């Protein structure tokens, strides 16, 4: 899941550099949610 977040982050950087701000914003928000989901699942995994 963290790999997907990094992939979306790289896509957001490339899209932002090319001027596609809509795509960059969307992929950055997806990456943010994936990182948050990863952190929540990691904490739950450690507690169980």
C-alpha atoms as a PDB file:
ATOM      1  CA  UNK A   1       0.000   0.000   0.000  1.00  0.00           C
ATOM      2  CA  UNK A   2       2.876   2.317   0.733  1.00  0.00           C
ATOM      3  CA  UNK A   3       4.275   1.587  -2.718  1.00  0.00           C
ATOM      4  CA  UNK A   4       1.012   2.771  -4.283  1.00  0.00           C
ATOM      5  CA  UNK A   5       1.170   5.970  -2.245  1.00  0.00           C
ATOM      6  CA  UNK A   6       4.707   6.623  -3.475  1.00  0.00           C
ATOM      7  CA  UNK A   7       3.635   5.920  -7.054  1.00  0.00           C
ATOM      8  CA  UNK A   8       0.777   8.428  -6.814  1.00  0.00           C
ATOM      9  CA  UNK A   9       3.158  10.950  -5.238  1.00  0.00           C
ATOM     10  CA  UNK A  10       5.590  10.612  -8.156  1.00  0.00           C
ATOM     11  CA  UNK A  11       2.731  10.953 -10.645  1.00  0.00           C
ATOM     12  CA  UNK A  12       1.591  14.104  -8.824  1.00  0.00           C
ATOM     13  CA  UNK A  13       5.076  15.618  -9.018  1.00  0.00           C
ATOM     14  CA  UNK A  14       5.382  14.854 -12.727  1.00  0.00           C
ATOM     15  CA  UNK A  15       1.892  16.174 -13.468  1.00  0.00           C
ATOM     16  CA  UNK A  16       2.602  19.337 -11.488  1.00  0.00           C
ATOM     17  CA  UNK A  17       5.837  19.907 -13.391  1.00  0.00           C
ATOM     18  CA  UNK A  18       3.994  19.519 -16.687  1.00  0.00           C
ATOM     19  CA  UNK A  19       1.270  21.961 -15.652  1.00  0.00           C
ATOM     20  CA  UNK A  20      -1.620  19.545 -15.118  1.00  0.00           C
ATOM     21  CA  UNK A  21      -2.639  20.936 -11.731  1.00  0.00           C
ATOM     22  CA  UNK A  22      -5.972  19.116 -11.635  1.00  0.00           C
ATOM     23  CA  UNK A  23      -4.349  15.725 -12.081  1.00  0.00           C
ATOM     24  CA  UNK A  24      -1.572  16.648  -9.651  1.00  0.00           C
ATOM     25  CA  UNK A  25      -4.025  17.669  -6.948  1.00  0.00           C
ATOM     26  CA  UNK A  26      -6.144  14.567  -7.392  1.00  0.00           C
ATOM     27  CA  UNK A  27      -3.208  12.155  -7.284  1.00  0.00           C
ATOM     28  CA  UNK A  28      -1.712  13.963  -4.295  1.00  0.00           C
ATOM     29  CA  UNK A  29      -4.943  13.576  -2.341  1.00  0.00           C
ATOM     30  CA  UNK A  30      -5.093   9.869  -3.251  1.00  0.00           C
ATOM     31  CA  UNK A  31      -1.498   9.461  -2.067  1.00  0.00           C
ATOM     32  CA  UNK A  32      -2.327  11.241   1.198  1.00  0.00           C
ATOM     33  CA  UNK A  33      -5.283   8.935   1.889  1.00  0.00           C
ATOM     34  CA  UNK A  34      -3.225   5.845   1.060  1.00  0.00           C
ATOM     35  CA  UNK A  35      -0.504   6.903   3.507  1.00  0.00           C
ATOM     36  CA  UNK A  36      -3.095   7.537   6.221  1.00  0.00           C
ATOM     37  CA  UNK A  37      -4.705   4.146   5.565  1.00  0.00           C
ATOM     38  CA  UNK A  38      -1.283   2.496   5.707  1.00  0.00           C
ATOM     39  CA  UNK A  39      -0.527   4.142   9.056  1.00  0.00           C
ATOM     40  CA  UNK A  40      -3.869   3.119  10.541  1.00  0.00           C
ATOM     41  CA  UNK A  41      -3.443  -0.473   9.387  1.00  0.00           C
ATOM     42  CA  UNK A  42       0.130  -0.545  10.709  1.00  0.00           C
ATOM     43  CA  UNK A  43      -0.971   0.640  14.152  1.00  0.00           C
ATOM     44  CA  UNK A  44      -3.838  -1.860  14.247  1.00  0.00           C
ATOM     45  CA  UNK A  45      -1.459  -4.606  13.185  1.00  0.00           C
ATOM     46  CA  UNK A  46       0.963  -3.729  15.974  1.00  0.00           C
ATOM     47  CA  UNK A  47      -1.782  -3.700  18.602  1.00  0.00           C
ATOM     48  CA  UNK A  48      -3.089  -7.114  17.635  1.00  0.00           C
END
